[in-house]
Amino acid sequence: MIDKKQARLRRARKTRAKIAELKAVRLCVNRTNQHVYAQLISACGSKVLAAASTLEVELRKEISNGGNAAAAAAIGKLIAERAKQAGIETVAFDRSGFKFHGRIKALADAARESGLKF
């Protein structure tokens, strides 16, 4: 019997293999009930170039709840800004096996609006 997390990671595997094949910088997102996390991982897959999460002290002051769509949108905007600072414009979106819906969609839309291309 496969548990929920293993099923999600199985779904994520094919996407990650394709992104590795493309040799693209990937925007990897993760969500828990409480928080949303985003990382920009280098094309070789070994280096985190930028990261943002709802755990950050400056962001905690602005948002009351780290586990909602508004918080995810704030993270999307923040990761796009940090990508620009790192000189990254184009990324491959890795939703980590989560449905492209709700918080994941809010993060992606906010990152696109802030000028990140994927």
Protein backbone atom coordinates (compact mmCIF):
# COMPACT_ATOMS: atom_id res chain seq x y z
CA MET A 1 0.00 0.00 0.00
CA ILE A 2 1.44 3.37 -1.06
CA ASP A 3 0.84 6.21 1.38
CA LYS A 4 -0.16 9.72 0.33
CA LYS A 5 3.36 11.17 0.38
CA GLN A 6 4.86 8.30 -1.66
CA ALA A 7 2.10 8.67 -4.27
CA ARG A 8 2.84 12.41 -4.55
CA LEU A 9 6.57 11.82 -4.94
CA ARG A 10 5.88 9.17 -7.58
CA ARG A 11 3.84 11.75 -9.52
CA ALA A 12 6.68 14.29 -9.11
CA ARG A 13 9.34 11.91 -10.47
CA LYS A 14 8.39 12.16 -14.16
CA THR A 15 8.26 15.97 -14.08
CA ARG A 16 11.66 16.18 -12.38
CA ALA A 17 13.20 13.79 -14.90
CA LYS A 18 11.90 15.94 -17.77
CA ILE A 19 13.21 19.15 -16.17
CA ALA A 20 16.63 17.52 -15.65
CA GLU A 21 16.61 16.50 -19.33
CA LEU A 22 15.88 20.11 -20.36
CA LYS A 23 18.75 21.32 -18.12
CA ALA A 24 16.58 24.17 -16.85
CA VAL A 25 16.62 26.01 -13.54
CA ARG A 26 13.63 24.68 -11.62
CA LEU A 27 11.21 26.46 -9.36
CA CYS A 28 10.39 23.74 -6.86
CA VAL A 29 7.40 24.33 -4.58
CA ASN A 30 6.28 22.49 -1.50
CA ARG A 31 3.31 23.01 0.76
CA THR A 32 2.30 21.81 4.19
CA ASN A 33 -0.87 22.62 6.10
CA GLN A 34 0.90 25.51 7.83
CA HIS A 35 3.39 26.83 5.28
CA VAL A 36 4.41 27.23 1.63
CA TYR A 37 8.02 26.92 0.42
CA ALA A 38 9.67 27.74 -2.92
CA GLN A 39 13.22 27.10 -4.09
CA LEU A 40 15.15 27.87 -7.26
CA ILE A 41 17.39 24.89 -7.95
CA SER A 42 20.26 25.07 -10.45
CA ALA A 43 20.14 23.19 -13.76
CA CYS A 44 22.62 20.59 -12.46
CA GLY A 45 20.25 20.01 -9.53
CA SER A 46 22.87 20.39 -6.82
CA LYS A 47 22.60 24.04 -5.79
CA VAL A 48 19.79 26.11 -4.30
CA LEU A 49 20.08 29.51 -5.98
CA ALA A 50 17.27 31.26 -4.07
CA ALA A 51 14.57 30.32 -1.59
CA ALA A 52 11.48 31.83 0.00
CA SER A 53 9.04 30.52 2.56
CA THR A 54 6.27 31.64 4.87
CA LEU A 55 8.59 30.88 7.81
CA GLU A 56 10.63 34.06 7.18
CA VAL A 57 10.39 36.64 9.96
CA GLU A 58 9.79 39.67 7.67
CA LEU A 59 6.97 37.84 5.87
CA ARG A 60 5.37 36.59 9.11
CA LYS A 61 4.73 40.23 10.08
CA GLU A 62 2.71 40.81 6.87
CA ILE A 63 0.68 37.60 6.75
CA SER A 64 -1.32 36.10 9.61
CA ASN A 65 -1.66 32.60 8.14
CA GLY A 66 1.15 30.90 6.21
CA GLY A 67 -1.09 28.17 4.80
CA ASN A 68 -3.46 30.06 2.51
CA ALA A 69 -3.54 31.29 -1.09
CA ALA A 70 -2.67 34.89 -0.11
CA ALA A 71 0.50 33.69 1.60
CA ALA A 72 1.35 31.53 -1.44
CA ALA A 73 0.93 34.57 -3.70
CA ALA A 74 3.30 36.56 -1.46
CA ILE A 75 5.88 33.76 -1.76
CA GLY A 76 5.45 33.71 -5.56
CA LYS A 77 6.17 37.43 -5.73
CA LEU A 78 9.16 37.13 -3.37
CA ILE A 79 10.77 34.20 -5.23
CA ALA A 80 10.39 36.09 -8.54
CA GLU A 81 12.19 39.12 -7.04
CA ARG A 82 14.99 36.92 -5.69
CA ALA A 83 15.29 35.18 -9.07
CA LYS A 84 15.77 38.57 -10.76
CA GLN A 85 18.48 39.45 -8.21
CA ALA A 86 20.21 36.16 -9.04
CA GLY A 87 19.90 36.97 -12.76
CA ILE A 88 17.36 34.26 -13.56
CA GLU A 89 14.46 34.99 -15.90
CA THR A 90 13.29 31.60 -17.16
CA VAL A 91 12.52 28.58 -14.98
CA ALA A 92 10.77 25.23 -15.18
CA PHE A 93 7.89 24.93 -12.70
CA ASP A 94 8.09 21.85 -10.47
CA ARG A 95 4.85 21.45 -8.55
CA SER A 96 6.23 18.42 -6.65
CA GLY A 97 3.29 16.18 -7.50
CA PHE A 98 0.71 18.58 -6.06
CA LYS A 99 -2.33 19.51 -8.13
CA PHE A 100 -1.97 22.80 -10.02
CA HIS A 101 -4.75 24.30 -7.97
CA GLY A 102 -5.29 26.55 -4.97
CA ARG A 103 -2.07 27.56 -3.24
CA ILE A 104 0.24 26.09 -5.91
CA LYS A 105 -1.66 27.98 -8.64
CA ALA A 106 -1.64 31.21 -6.57
CA LEU A 107 2.15 30.96 -6.16
CA ALA A 108 2.69 30.27 -9.88
CA ASP A 109 0.41 33.11 -11.00
CA ALA A 110 2.10 35.61 -8.65
CA ALA A 111 5.57 34.56 -9.86
CA ARG A 112 4.47 34.98 -13.50
CA GLU A 113 3.00 38.42 -12.78
CA SER A 114 6.27 39.46 -11.16
CA GLY A 115 8.10 38.69 -14.40
CA LEU A 116 9.31 35.08 -14.04
CA LYS A 117 8.87 33.10 -17.25
CA PHE A 118 7.72 29.45 -17.28
